[in-house]
N, C-alpha and C. Protein backbone atom coordinates (compact mmCIF):
# COMPACT_ATOMS: atom_id res chain seq x y z
N MET A 1 -78.21 31.19 -6.50
CA MET A 1 -77.01 31.92 -6.09
C MET A 1 -77.30 33.38 -5.75
N MET A 2 -78.22 33.99 -6.49
CA MET A 2 -78.56 35.38 -6.22
C MET A 2 -79.20 35.54 -4.85
N ALA A 3 -80.01 34.54 -4.48
CA ALA A 3 -80.65 34.61 -3.15
C ALA A 3 -79.59 34.53 -2.05
N VAL A 4 -78.60 33.69 -2.24
CA VAL A 4 -77.51 33.57 -1.26
C VAL A 4 -76.73 34.87 -1.18
N TRP A 5 -76.44 35.47 -2.35
CA TRP A 5 -75.71 36.73 -2.37
C TRP A 5 -76.49 37.84 -1.69
N ARG A 6 -77.81 37.89 -1.94
CA ARG A 6 -78.65 38.91 -1.29
C ARG A 6 -78.65 38.72 0.22
N PHE A 7 -78.63 37.45 0.67
CA PHE A 7 -78.60 37.18 2.11
C PHE A 7 -77.31 37.72 2.73
N PHE A 8 -76.18 37.49 2.07
CA PHE A 8 -74.90 37.89 2.63
C PHE A 8 -74.60 39.38 2.45
N THR A 9 -75.38 40.09 1.65
CA THR A 9 -75.17 41.53 1.49
C THR A 9 -76.28 42.34 2.14
N SER A 10 -77.20 41.68 2.81
CA SER A 10 -78.35 42.37 3.38
C SER A 10 -78.01 43.02 4.73
N HIS A 11 -78.56 44.22 4.95
CA HIS A 11 -78.43 44.88 6.24
C HIS A 11 -79.19 44.11 7.32
N LYS A 12 -80.26 43.45 6.94
CA LYS A 12 -81.03 42.65 7.91
C LYS A 12 -80.17 41.50 8.43
N THR A 13 -79.39 40.89 7.56
CA THR A 13 -78.50 39.81 8.01
C THR A 13 -77.54 40.33 9.07
N CYS A 14 -76.99 41.52 8.84
CA CYS A 14 -76.09 42.12 9.82
C CYS A 14 -76.80 42.36 11.15
N ALA A 15 -78.02 42.90 11.08
CA ALA A 15 -78.77 43.21 12.30
C ALA A 15 -79.11 41.95 13.08
N TRP A 16 -79.59 40.91 12.38
CA TRP A 16 -79.99 39.68 13.06
C TRP A 16 -78.79 38.92 13.62
N THR A 17 -77.69 38.90 12.88
CA THR A 17 -76.52 38.21 13.40
C THR A 17 -75.91 38.98 14.57
N GLY A 18 -76.00 40.32 14.53
CA GLY A 18 -75.55 41.11 15.67
C GLY A 18 -76.36 40.81 16.92
N LEU A 19 -77.69 40.68 16.74
CA LEU A 19 -78.56 40.32 17.87
C LEU A 19 -78.22 38.92 18.38
N ALA A 20 -78.01 37.98 17.46
CA ALA A 20 -77.65 36.61 17.86
C ALA A 20 -76.32 36.59 18.62
N PHE A 21 -75.36 37.41 18.18
CA PHE A 21 -74.07 37.50 18.86
C PHE A 21 -74.25 37.97 20.29
N CYS A 22 -75.06 39.01 20.48
CA CYS A 22 -75.30 39.55 21.83
C CYS A 22 -76.00 38.53 22.72
N LEU A 23 -77.00 37.83 22.18
CA LEU A 23 -77.74 36.84 22.96
C LEU A 23 -76.84 35.66 23.34
N ALA A 24 -76.00 35.22 22.38
CA ALA A 24 -75.09 34.12 22.67
C ALA A 24 -74.07 34.52 23.73
N GLY A 25 -73.57 35.75 23.65
CA GLY A 25 -72.63 36.23 24.65
C GLY A 25 -73.28 36.33 26.03
N ALA A 26 -74.53 36.82 26.08
CA ALA A 26 -75.25 36.91 27.36
C ALA A 26 -75.47 35.52 27.95
N ALA A 27 -75.85 34.56 27.10
CA ALA A 27 -76.04 33.18 27.57
C ALA A 27 -74.73 32.60 28.09
N GLY A 28 -73.63 32.90 27.39
CA GLY A 28 -72.33 32.40 27.81
C GLY A 28 -71.91 32.92 29.17
N SER A 29 -72.22 34.20 29.46
CA SER A 29 -71.84 34.77 30.76
C SER A 29 -72.55 34.06 31.91
N VAL A 30 -73.75 33.54 31.64
CA VAL A 30 -74.49 32.79 32.67
C VAL A 30 -73.98 31.35 32.76
N VAL A 31 -73.84 30.71 31.60
CA VAL A 31 -73.45 29.30 31.57
C VAL A 31 -72.05 29.10 32.14
N MET A 32 -71.12 29.99 31.84
CA MET A 32 -69.75 29.83 32.34
C MET A 32 -69.70 29.87 33.86
N GLY A 33 -70.59 30.66 34.48
CA GLY A 33 -70.65 30.69 35.94
C GLY A 33 -71.23 29.42 36.53
N ARG A 34 -72.07 28.73 35.76
CA ARG A 34 -72.69 27.50 36.27
C ARG A 34 -71.84 26.26 36.04
N TYR A 35 -70.91 26.34 35.10
CA TYR A 35 -70.04 25.19 34.80
C TYR A 35 -68.58 25.60 34.90
N PRO A 36 -68.12 26.02 36.09
CA PRO A 36 -66.74 26.50 36.22
C PRO A 36 -65.71 25.42 35.92
N GLU A 37 -66.05 24.17 36.20
CA GLU A 37 -65.09 23.09 35.95
C GLU A 37 -64.84 22.89 34.47
N LEU A 38 -65.80 23.25 33.63
CA LEU A 38 -65.66 23.08 32.19
C LEU A 38 -64.90 24.25 31.57
N PHE A 39 -65.16 25.47 32.05
CA PHE A 39 -64.62 26.66 31.40
C PHE A 39 -63.45 27.30 32.16
N SER A 40 -63.07 26.75 33.31
CA SER A 40 -62.06 27.41 34.14
C SER A 40 -60.71 27.56 33.44
N ASP A 41 -60.36 26.60 32.59
CA ASP A 41 -59.06 26.67 31.92
C ASP A 41 -59.17 27.13 30.46
N MET A 42 -60.29 27.76 30.12
CA MET A 42 -60.50 28.18 28.75
C MET A 42 -59.48 29.22 28.31
N ASP A 43 -59.04 30.04 29.26
CA ASP A 43 -58.07 31.09 28.97
C ASP A 43 -56.64 30.64 29.16
N ALA A 44 -56.46 29.41 29.61
CA ALA A 44 -55.10 28.94 29.92
C ALA A 44 -54.28 28.64 28.67
N GLY A 45 -54.95 28.37 27.56
CA GLY A 45 -54.24 28.06 26.32
C GLY A 45 -54.93 28.73 25.15
N ILE A 46 -54.57 28.33 23.94
CA ILE A 46 -55.23 28.90 22.77
C ILE A 46 -56.59 28.21 22.59
N LEU A 47 -57.52 28.90 21.96
CA LEU A 47 -58.89 28.42 21.85
C LEU A 47 -58.99 27.10 21.10
N ALA A 48 -58.17 26.92 20.06
CA ALA A 48 -58.22 25.68 19.29
C ALA A 48 -57.89 24.47 20.16
N ASP A 49 -56.92 24.61 21.06
CA ASP A 49 -56.57 23.51 21.95
C ASP A 49 -57.70 23.20 22.92
N TRP A 50 -58.34 24.25 23.45
CA TRP A 50 -59.45 24.03 24.37
C TRP A 50 -60.60 23.30 23.66
N PHE A 51 -60.89 23.69 22.44
CA PHE A 51 -61.93 23.01 21.67
C PHE A 51 -61.59 21.55 21.45
N ALA A 52 -60.34 21.29 21.15
CA ALA A 52 -59.93 19.90 20.92
C ALA A 52 -60.12 19.05 22.17
N ARG A 53 -59.93 19.65 23.35
CA ARG A 53 -60.04 18.89 24.59
C ARG A 53 -61.45 18.86 25.16
N LYS A 54 -62.16 20.00 25.07
CA LYS A 54 -63.42 20.12 25.81
C LYS A 54 -64.60 20.58 24.97
N GLY A 55 -64.37 20.92 23.72
CA GLY A 55 -65.44 21.51 22.92
C GLY A 55 -66.65 20.63 22.72
N LEU A 56 -66.45 19.30 22.74
CA LEU A 56 -67.56 18.38 22.51
C LEU A 56 -67.88 17.52 23.72
N ILE A 57 -67.23 17.79 24.86
CA ILE A 57 -67.48 16.98 26.06
C ILE A 57 -68.92 17.14 26.53
N ALA A 58 -69.37 18.38 26.60
CA ALA A 58 -70.72 18.68 27.08
C ALA A 58 -71.39 19.60 26.06
N PRO A 59 -72.10 19.07 25.08
CA PRO A 59 -72.67 19.90 24.01
C PRO A 59 -73.62 20.99 24.50
N ALA A 60 -74.42 20.70 25.51
CA ALA A 60 -75.40 21.69 25.96
C ALA A 60 -74.74 22.95 26.54
N PRO A 61 -73.80 22.82 27.49
CA PRO A 61 -73.19 24.03 28.05
C PRO A 61 -72.32 24.81 27.06
N THR A 62 -71.85 24.15 25.99
CA THR A 62 -71.00 24.87 25.03
C THR A 62 -71.78 25.34 23.80
N LEU A 63 -73.09 25.13 23.79
CA LEU A 63 -73.90 25.51 22.64
C LEU A 63 -73.82 27.01 22.37
N TRP A 64 -73.80 27.82 23.44
CA TRP A 64 -73.71 29.28 23.27
C TRP A 64 -72.43 29.68 22.53
N LEU A 65 -71.36 28.94 22.78
CA LEU A 65 -70.09 29.29 22.14
C LEU A 65 -70.13 29.01 20.64
N TYR A 66 -70.77 27.91 20.26
CA TYR A 66 -70.93 27.63 18.84
C TYR A 66 -71.82 28.68 18.18
N GLY A 67 -72.85 29.12 18.89
CA GLY A 67 -73.69 30.20 18.38
C GLY A 67 -72.92 31.49 18.22
N LEU A 68 -72.05 31.79 19.19
CA LEU A 68 -71.22 33.00 19.11
C LEU A 68 -70.28 32.95 17.92
N LEU A 69 -69.65 31.80 17.71
CA LEU A 69 -68.72 31.66 16.59
C LEU A 69 -69.45 31.70 15.25
N LEU A 70 -70.63 31.09 15.20
CA LEU A 70 -71.41 31.12 13.96
C LEU A 70 -71.85 32.54 13.63
N ALA A 71 -72.32 33.27 14.65
CA ALA A 71 -72.73 34.67 14.43
C ALA A 71 -71.55 35.51 13.96
N THR A 72 -70.38 35.28 14.54
CA THR A 72 -69.17 36.01 14.13
C THR A 72 -68.82 35.70 12.68
N ALA A 73 -68.92 34.41 12.31
CA ALA A 73 -68.62 34.01 10.93
C ALA A 73 -69.59 34.65 9.95
N LEU A 74 -70.88 34.70 10.31
CA LEU A 74 -71.87 35.31 9.43
C LEU A 74 -71.65 36.81 9.30
N MET A 75 -71.32 37.48 10.41
CA MET A 75 -71.06 38.92 10.33
C MET A 75 -69.82 39.20 9.48
N THR A 76 -68.82 38.33 9.60
CA THR A 76 -67.61 38.50 8.79
C THR A 76 -67.92 38.34 7.31
N ALA A 77 -68.68 37.30 6.97
CA ALA A 77 -69.07 37.09 5.57
C ALA A 77 -69.93 38.23 5.06
N ASN A 78 -70.84 38.71 5.91
CA ASN A 78 -71.71 39.83 5.53
C ASN A 78 -70.89 41.09 5.26
N ALA A 79 -69.92 41.38 6.12
CA ALA A 79 -69.09 42.57 5.93
C ALA A 79 -68.27 42.46 4.65
N ALA A 80 -67.70 41.28 4.40
CA ALA A 80 -66.87 41.09 3.20
C ALA A 80 -67.70 41.23 1.93
N CYS A 81 -68.87 40.58 1.89
CA CYS A 81 -69.71 40.62 0.69
C CYS A 81 -70.29 42.01 0.46
N CYS A 82 -70.72 42.65 1.54
CA CYS A 82 -71.29 44.00 1.42
C CYS A 82 -70.25 44.97 0.88
N THR A 83 -69.04 44.89 1.42
CA THR A 83 -67.97 45.77 0.96
C THR A 83 -67.62 45.50 -0.50
N ALA A 84 -67.53 44.22 -0.87
CA ALA A 84 -67.21 43.88 -2.25
C ALA A 84 -68.25 44.44 -3.21
N GLU A 85 -69.53 44.32 -2.86
CA GLU A 85 -70.60 44.82 -3.73
C GLU A 85 -70.61 46.34 -3.80
N ARG A 86 -70.50 46.99 -2.64
CA ARG A 86 -70.61 48.44 -2.62
C ARG A 86 -69.39 49.13 -3.24
N LEU A 87 -68.20 48.55 -3.06
CA LEU A 87 -67.02 49.19 -3.63
C LEU A 87 -67.08 49.23 -5.15
N VAL A 88 -67.63 48.18 -5.75
CA VAL A 88 -67.80 48.18 -7.21
C VAL A 88 -68.70 49.33 -7.62
N GLN A 89 -69.81 49.53 -6.89
CA GLN A 89 -70.73 50.62 -7.20
C GLN A 89 -70.09 51.98 -6.97
N ILE A 90 -69.31 52.10 -5.88
CA ILE A 90 -68.68 53.38 -5.56
C ILE A 90 -67.67 53.77 -6.62
N PHE A 91 -66.82 52.83 -7.03
CA PHE A 91 -65.78 53.15 -7.99
C PHE A 91 -66.33 53.34 -9.41
N ARG A 92 -67.55 52.89 -9.64
CA ARG A 92 -68.19 53.18 -10.92
C ARG A 92 -68.80 54.57 -10.95
N GLY A 93 -69.01 55.17 -9.76
CA GLY A 93 -69.59 56.50 -9.68
C GLY A 93 -68.60 57.49 -9.09
N LYS A 94 -69.11 58.35 -8.23
CA LYS A 94 -68.28 59.38 -7.61
C LYS A 94 -67.65 58.81 -6.33
N VAL A 95 -66.34 58.80 -6.29
CA VAL A 95 -65.62 58.27 -5.13
C VAL A 95 -65.36 59.41 -4.15
N THR A 96 -65.89 59.28 -2.94
CA THR A 96 -65.63 60.26 -1.89
C THR A 96 -65.19 59.52 -0.63
N LEU A 97 -64.47 60.24 0.23
CA LEU A 97 -64.00 59.64 1.47
C LEU A 97 -65.16 59.14 2.32
N ARG A 98 -66.26 59.92 2.35
CA ARG A 98 -67.38 59.54 3.20
C ARG A 98 -68.04 58.25 2.73
N ARG A 99 -68.07 58.02 1.44
CA ARG A 99 -68.64 56.78 0.92
C ARG A 99 -67.73 55.58 1.20
N LEU A 100 -66.44 55.84 1.27
CA LEU A 100 -65.49 54.75 1.50
C LEU A 100 -65.37 54.37 2.97
N LEU A 101 -65.62 55.34 3.88
CA LEU A 101 -65.35 55.11 5.30
C LEU A 101 -66.08 53.89 5.89
N PRO A 102 -67.38 53.67 5.60
CA PRO A 102 -68.02 52.47 6.15
C PRO A 102 -67.31 51.18 5.76
N HIS A 103 -66.74 51.17 4.57
CA HIS A 103 -66.09 49.96 4.09
C HIS A 103 -64.66 49.84 4.62
N VAL A 104 -64.08 50.99 4.98
CA VAL A 104 -62.81 50.95 5.74
C VAL A 104 -63.08 50.28 7.10
N MET A 105 -64.21 50.63 7.72
CA MET A 105 -64.58 49.99 8.99
C MET A 105 -64.79 48.50 8.80
N HIS A 106 -65.44 48.12 7.70
CA HIS A 106 -65.65 46.70 7.42
C HIS A 106 -64.33 45.97 7.28
N VAL A 107 -63.40 46.56 6.54
CA VAL A 107 -62.09 45.93 6.33
C VAL A 107 -61.35 45.81 7.67
N ALA A 108 -61.45 46.86 8.51
CA ALA A 108 -60.80 46.81 9.82
C ALA A 108 -61.43 45.72 10.69
N PHE A 109 -62.75 45.59 10.64
CA PHE A 109 -63.44 44.52 11.37
C PHE A 109 -62.97 43.15 10.91
N LEU A 110 -62.85 42.98 9.59
CA LEU A 110 -62.35 41.72 9.05
C LEU A 110 -60.93 41.45 9.53
N GLY A 111 -60.12 42.50 9.59
CA GLY A 111 -58.75 42.35 10.07
C GLY A 111 -58.70 41.88 11.51
N VAL A 112 -59.57 42.43 12.36
CA VAL A 112 -59.61 42.01 13.76
C VAL A 112 -60.03 40.55 13.89
N VAL A 113 -61.10 40.17 13.17
CA VAL A 113 -61.60 38.79 13.27
C VAL A 113 -60.56 37.79 12.76
N LEU A 114 -59.99 38.06 11.59
CA LEU A 114 -59.02 37.13 11.01
C LEU A 114 -57.75 37.04 11.85
N SER A 115 -57.35 38.16 12.45
CA SER A 115 -56.16 38.15 13.30
C SER A 115 -56.39 37.35 14.57
N HIS A 116 -57.59 37.49 15.15
CA HIS A 116 -57.94 36.66 16.31
C HIS A 116 -57.96 35.18 15.93
N LEU A 117 -58.44 34.88 14.73
CA LEU A 117 -58.46 33.49 14.27
C LEU A 117 -57.04 32.94 14.17
N VAL A 118 -56.12 33.72 13.63
CA VAL A 118 -54.73 33.28 13.53
C VAL A 118 -54.16 33.02 14.92
N SER A 119 -54.43 33.92 15.87
CA SER A 119 -53.92 33.74 17.22
C SER A 119 -54.54 32.52 17.89
N SER A 120 -55.84 32.28 17.62
CA SER A 120 -56.52 31.13 18.22
C SER A 120 -56.02 29.80 17.69
N LEU A 121 -55.47 29.81 16.48
CA LEU A 121 -54.98 28.57 15.87
C LEU A 121 -53.49 28.37 16.07
N TYR A 122 -52.72 29.45 16.03
CA TYR A 122 -51.26 29.32 15.99
C TYR A 122 -50.55 29.98 17.17
N GLY A 123 -51.31 30.50 18.13
CA GLY A 123 -50.68 31.10 19.30
C GLY A 123 -50.20 30.04 20.28
N ASP A 124 -49.68 30.50 21.40
CA ASP A 124 -49.19 29.58 22.42
C ASP A 124 -49.30 30.25 23.78
N ARG A 125 -49.58 29.46 24.80
CA ARG A 125 -49.67 29.95 26.17
C ARG A 125 -48.90 28.99 27.07
N ILE A 126 -47.89 29.49 27.75
CA ILE A 126 -47.11 28.69 28.68
C ILE A 126 -47.23 29.35 30.05
N HIS A 127 -47.80 28.66 31.00
CA HIS A 127 -48.11 29.25 32.30
C HIS A 127 -47.24 28.64 33.40
N GLY A 128 -46.98 29.46 34.40
CA GLY A 128 -46.39 28.97 35.63
C GLY A 128 -44.97 28.45 35.54
N VAL A 129 -44.09 29.20 34.85
CA VAL A 129 -42.67 28.81 34.80
C VAL A 129 -42.00 29.39 36.05
N ALA A 130 -41.80 28.55 37.05
CA ALA A 130 -41.23 28.99 38.33
C ALA A 130 -39.71 28.87 38.28
N VAL A 131 -39.03 29.98 38.60
CA VAL A 131 -37.57 30.02 38.53
C VAL A 131 -37.02 30.56 39.84
N PRO A 132 -36.21 29.79 40.56
CA PRO A 132 -35.58 30.31 41.78
C PRO A 132 -34.42 31.23 41.44
N GLN A 133 -34.16 32.20 42.30
CA GLN A 133 -33.02 33.08 42.08
C GLN A 133 -31.73 32.26 42.06
N GLY A 134 -30.95 32.46 41.01
CA GLY A 134 -29.73 31.69 40.86
C GLY A 134 -29.94 30.36 40.16
N GLY A 135 -31.20 30.07 39.76
CA GLY A 135 -31.50 28.81 39.10
C GLY A 135 -32.07 29.03 37.71
N PHE A 136 -32.67 27.99 37.15
CA PHE A 136 -33.22 28.08 35.80
C PHE A 136 -34.40 27.12 35.68
N ALA A 137 -35.18 27.27 34.60
CA ALA A 137 -36.31 26.37 34.32
C ALA A 137 -36.52 26.32 32.82
N HIS A 138 -37.01 25.19 32.33
CA HIS A 138 -37.34 25.03 30.92
C HIS A 138 -38.66 25.74 30.63
N VAL A 139 -38.75 26.39 29.48
CA VAL A 139 -39.96 27.13 29.09
C VAL A 139 -40.76 26.28 28.13
N GLY A 140 -41.68 25.49 28.67
CA GLY A 140 -42.54 24.64 27.86
C GLY A 140 -41.75 23.77 26.90
N SER A 141 -42.22 23.71 25.66
CA SER A 141 -41.57 22.91 24.62
C SER A 141 -40.78 23.79 23.65
N THR A 142 -40.46 25.04 24.08
CA THR A 142 -39.76 25.96 23.18
C THR A 142 -38.28 25.60 23.04
N GLY A 143 -37.75 24.84 23.99
CA GLY A 143 -36.32 24.55 23.98
C GLY A 143 -35.49 25.60 24.69
N TRP A 144 -36.13 26.64 25.24
CA TRP A 144 -35.40 27.67 25.95
C TRP A 144 -35.18 27.27 27.40
N ILE A 145 -34.22 27.94 28.01
CA ILE A 145 -34.00 27.86 29.45
C ILE A 145 -34.04 29.28 30.00
N LEU A 146 -34.92 29.51 30.96
CA LEU A 146 -35.06 30.83 31.58
C LEU A 146 -34.31 30.82 32.91
N SER A 147 -33.31 31.66 33.01
CA SER A 147 -32.53 31.74 34.25
C SER A 147 -32.84 33.05 34.96
N LEU A 148 -32.70 33.04 36.29
CA LEU A 148 -32.97 34.20 37.11
C LEU A 148 -31.73 34.47 37.97
N ASP A 149 -30.92 35.42 37.51
CA ASP A 149 -29.68 35.73 38.24
C ASP A 149 -29.96 36.56 39.48
N ARG A 150 -30.82 37.56 39.32
CA ARG A 150 -31.15 38.43 40.45
C ARG A 150 -32.57 38.95 40.25
N PHE A 151 -33.32 39.06 41.33
CA PHE A 151 -34.73 39.42 41.19
C PHE A 151 -34.97 40.85 41.65
N ASP A 152 -35.54 41.69 40.75
CA ASP A 152 -36.06 43.01 41.07
C ASP A 152 -37.50 43.05 40.58
N ALA A 153 -38.43 43.41 41.46
CA ALA A 153 -39.86 43.36 41.12
C ALA A 153 -40.25 44.57 40.26
N VAL A 154 -39.93 44.51 38.98
CA VAL A 154 -40.32 45.53 38.01
C VAL A 154 -41.28 44.89 37.02
N MET A 155 -42.52 45.39 36.97
CA MET A 155 -43.56 44.80 36.14
C MET A 155 -43.40 45.22 34.68
N ALA A 156 -42.65 44.45 33.92
CA ALA A 156 -42.44 44.75 32.50
C ALA A 156 -42.18 43.44 31.76
N PRO A 157 -42.70 43.30 30.51
CA PRO A 157 -42.48 42.07 29.75
C PRO A 157 -41.15 42.07 29.00
N VAL A 158 -40.69 40.89 28.70
CA VAL A 158 -39.53 40.69 27.84
C VAL A 158 -40.02 39.96 26.60
N PHE A 159 -39.58 40.36 25.42
CA PHE A 159 -40.01 39.72 24.17
C PHE A 159 -38.84 38.98 23.54
N HIS A 160 -39.12 37.74 23.13
CA HIS A 160 -38.07 36.91 22.54
C HIS A 160 -38.70 35.94 21.53
N GLU A 161 -38.27 36.03 20.28
CA GLU A 161 -38.73 35.13 19.22
C GLU A 161 -40.26 35.03 19.15
N GLY A 162 -40.91 36.19 19.26
CA GLY A 162 -42.36 36.23 19.13
C GLY A 162 -43.12 35.96 20.41
N TYR A 163 -42.44 35.61 21.48
CA TYR A 163 -43.09 35.37 22.78
C TYR A 163 -42.91 36.59 23.68
N GLY A 164 -43.96 36.91 24.41
CA GLY A 164 -43.86 37.88 25.49
C GLY A 164 -43.75 37.13 26.79
N ILE A 165 -42.74 37.43 27.59
CA ILE A 165 -42.51 36.73 28.86
C ILE A 165 -42.85 37.71 29.97
N TYR A 166 -43.85 37.36 30.77
CA TYR A 166 -44.40 38.26 31.78
C TYR A 166 -44.21 37.66 33.16
N ILE A 167 -43.87 38.52 34.12
CA ILE A 167 -43.80 38.05 35.50
C ILE A 167 -45.22 37.93 36.04
N LYS A 168 -45.51 36.78 36.61
CA LYS A 168 -46.86 36.48 37.10
C LYS A 168 -46.95 36.58 38.61
N ASN A 169 -45.91 36.15 39.27
CA ASN A 169 -45.91 36.15 40.74
C ASN A 169 -44.46 36.10 41.21
N PHE A 170 -44.26 36.40 42.46
CA PHE A 170 -42.93 36.29 43.05
C PHE A 170 -43.08 36.13 44.56
N GLY A 171 -42.02 35.70 45.18
CA GLY A 171 -42.07 35.49 46.62
C GLY A 171 -40.79 34.86 47.09
N ALA A 172 -40.88 34.20 48.24
CA ALA A 172 -39.72 33.54 48.82
C ALA A 172 -40.12 32.16 49.30
N THR A 173 -39.22 31.21 49.17
CA THR A 173 -39.45 29.85 49.66
C THR A 173 -39.43 29.87 51.19
N PRO A 174 -39.90 28.79 51.84
CA PRO A 174 -39.87 28.75 53.31
C PRO A 174 -38.48 28.96 53.90
N TRP A 175 -37.44 28.66 53.14
CA TRP A 175 -36.08 28.87 53.66
C TRP A 175 -35.48 30.20 53.18
N GLY A 176 -36.34 31.07 52.60
CA GLY A 176 -35.93 32.43 52.32
C GLY A 176 -35.33 32.69 50.96
N ALA A 177 -35.33 31.73 50.05
CA ALA A 177 -34.76 31.93 48.72
C ALA A 177 -35.79 32.61 47.82
N PRO A 178 -35.45 33.73 47.17
CA PRO A 178 -36.40 34.39 46.27
C PRO A 178 -36.69 33.53 45.03
N PHE A 179 -37.90 33.65 44.52
CA PHE A 179 -38.26 33.00 43.26
C PHE A 179 -39.26 33.87 42.53
N ALA A 180 -39.41 33.62 41.24
CA ALA A 180 -40.40 34.33 40.43
C ALA A 180 -41.09 33.33 39.51
N VAL A 181 -42.35 33.61 39.19
CA VAL A 181 -43.14 32.77 38.31
C VAL A 181 -43.48 33.59 37.06
N PHE A 182 -43.25 32.99 35.88
CA PHE A 182 -43.43 33.69 34.61
C PHE A 182 -44.45 32.97 33.73
N ASP A 183 -45.13 33.75 32.90
CA ASP A 183 -45.93 33.23 31.79
C ASP A 183 -45.26 33.65 30.49
N ALA A 184 -45.32 32.77 29.48
CA ALA A 184 -44.80 33.08 28.15
C ALA A 184 -45.93 32.90 27.14
N ASN A 185 -46.27 33.97 26.46
CA ASN A 185 -47.38 33.94 25.50
C ASN A 185 -46.91 34.36 24.11
N ARG A 186 -47.37 33.62 23.11
CA ARG A 186 -47.13 34.01 21.71
C ARG A 186 -48.46 34.29 21.05
N ASP A 187 -48.62 35.50 20.55
CA ASP A 187 -49.89 35.93 19.94
C ASP A 187 -49.58 36.51 18.56
N PRO A 188 -49.54 35.66 17.52
CA PRO A 188 -49.10 36.14 16.20
C PRO A 188 -50.01 37.18 15.57
N GLY A 189 -51.25 37.30 16.04
CA GLY A 189 -52.16 38.28 15.45
C GLY A 189 -52.23 39.59 16.20
N ALA A 190 -51.41 39.75 17.26
CA ALA A 190 -51.56 40.92 18.15
C ALA A 190 -51.34 42.24 17.42
N VAL A 191 -50.29 42.34 16.61
CA VAL A 191 -49.99 43.59 15.93
C VAL A 191 -51.10 43.93 14.93
N ALA A 192 -51.57 42.93 14.18
CA ALA A 192 -52.63 43.16 13.21
C ALA A 192 -53.93 43.56 13.90
N ILE A 193 -54.20 42.98 15.07
CA ILE A 193 -55.40 43.35 15.84
C ILE A 193 -55.32 44.82 16.26
N LEU A 194 -54.14 45.23 16.74
CA LEU A 194 -53.97 46.62 17.17
C LEU A 194 -54.14 47.58 15.99
N VAL A 195 -53.49 47.28 14.86
CA VAL A 195 -53.58 48.16 13.69
C VAL A 195 -55.03 48.25 13.19
N SER A 196 -55.71 47.09 13.11
CA SER A 196 -57.09 47.07 12.63
C SER A 196 -58.02 47.82 13.58
N SER A 197 -57.79 47.68 14.88
CA SER A 197 -58.62 48.38 15.87
C SER A 197 -58.45 49.89 15.77
N VAL A 198 -57.20 50.34 15.60
CA VAL A 198 -56.95 51.77 15.45
C VAL A 198 -57.60 52.29 14.16
N LEU A 199 -57.47 51.53 13.07
CA LEU A 199 -58.09 51.92 11.81
C LEU A 199 -59.60 52.01 11.94
N PHE A 200 -60.22 51.04 12.62
CA PHE A 200 -61.67 51.04 12.82
C PHE A 200 -62.09 52.28 13.62
N THR A 201 -61.34 52.60 14.68
CA THR A 201 -61.68 53.74 15.53
C THR A 201 -61.54 55.05 14.78
N VAL A 202 -60.44 55.20 14.06
CA VAL A 202 -60.21 56.44 13.31
C VAL A 202 -61.28 56.64 12.24
N ALA A 203 -61.61 55.56 11.52
CA ALA A 203 -62.65 55.66 10.49
C ALA A 203 -63.99 56.06 11.10
N ASN A 204 -64.32 55.52 12.26
CA ASN A 204 -65.57 55.89 12.94
C ASN A 204 -65.57 57.36 13.33
N LEU A 205 -64.46 57.82 13.90
CA LEU A 205 -64.40 59.22 14.33
C LEU A 205 -64.52 60.17 13.15
N ILE A 206 -63.83 59.85 12.05
CA ILE A 206 -63.92 60.72 10.86
C ILE A 206 -65.34 60.71 10.30
N TYR A 207 -65.98 59.53 10.32
CA TYR A 207 -67.33 59.42 9.76
C TYR A 207 -68.34 60.24 10.58
N LEU A 208 -68.05 60.43 11.88
CA LEU A 208 -68.96 61.19 12.73
C LEU A 208 -68.84 62.70 12.52
N LEU A 209 -67.76 63.14 11.85
CA LEU A 209 -67.62 64.56 11.57
C LEU A 209 -68.70 65.00 10.59
N PRO A 210 -69.14 66.26 10.68
CA PRO A 210 -70.16 66.74 9.74
C PRO A 210 -69.67 66.62 8.30
N ALA A 211 -70.56 66.15 7.42
CA ALA A 211 -70.19 65.95 6.03
C ALA A 211 -70.19 67.27 5.27
N ARG A 212 -69.15 67.48 4.45
CA ARG A 212 -69.16 68.62 3.53
C ARG A 212 -69.94 68.24 2.28
N ARG A 213 -70.45 69.22 1.59
CA ARG A 213 -71.29 68.95 0.43
C ARG A 213 -70.58 68.11 -0.61
N GLU A 214 -69.29 68.41 -0.87
CA GLU A 214 -68.58 67.67 -1.93
C GLU A 214 -68.27 66.23 -1.51
N ASP A 215 -68.39 65.92 -0.22
CA ASP A 215 -68.14 64.57 0.26
C ASP A 215 -69.41 63.74 0.37
N ALA A 216 -70.55 64.32 0.17
CA ALA A 216 -71.81 63.63 0.40
C ALA A 216 -72.02 62.55 -0.66
């Protein structure tokens, strides 16, 4: 057990998993261009749904994605274990803001990863809801009806019951009737991702400030 704990609290683990993450991402940027038919709809829905449909269809082209997810999981575990170990040591000694800041960054990183996980599992993507002016359309399986009384091309989202409804396209039918096309997205982790990202950035900026002697 001690060997496992040392692995998950080691700086080397962080460095190697970071390298693996970068290599997997670089491989993915190449592979996705070579297999457009496999990855073209990856962004059309939540990641869990795409995995259920296509994650195991072609193991070789998706291998980079499994490597990316594994590296992310290891970095997350490393950050959590490192913070847990170091915080015990810090609170047993002299507690200073500068000693805490790296672990604030770790907590913010964990918040971003876990929030993305929530969105990937419980989010929703509804694309291409076409509504003619004066008409209506059903919005996926939400049970809503989206009506368009009058069309003004103002690029702004509408939020309803956790969904953001965005105008995607607009135009006119061959007989001149205006219509608009909308997407409806639900991203339950969006607020937590934003808060964690701001916290991570602020902690980094403060950590870059010159240290005072009493904070060392």
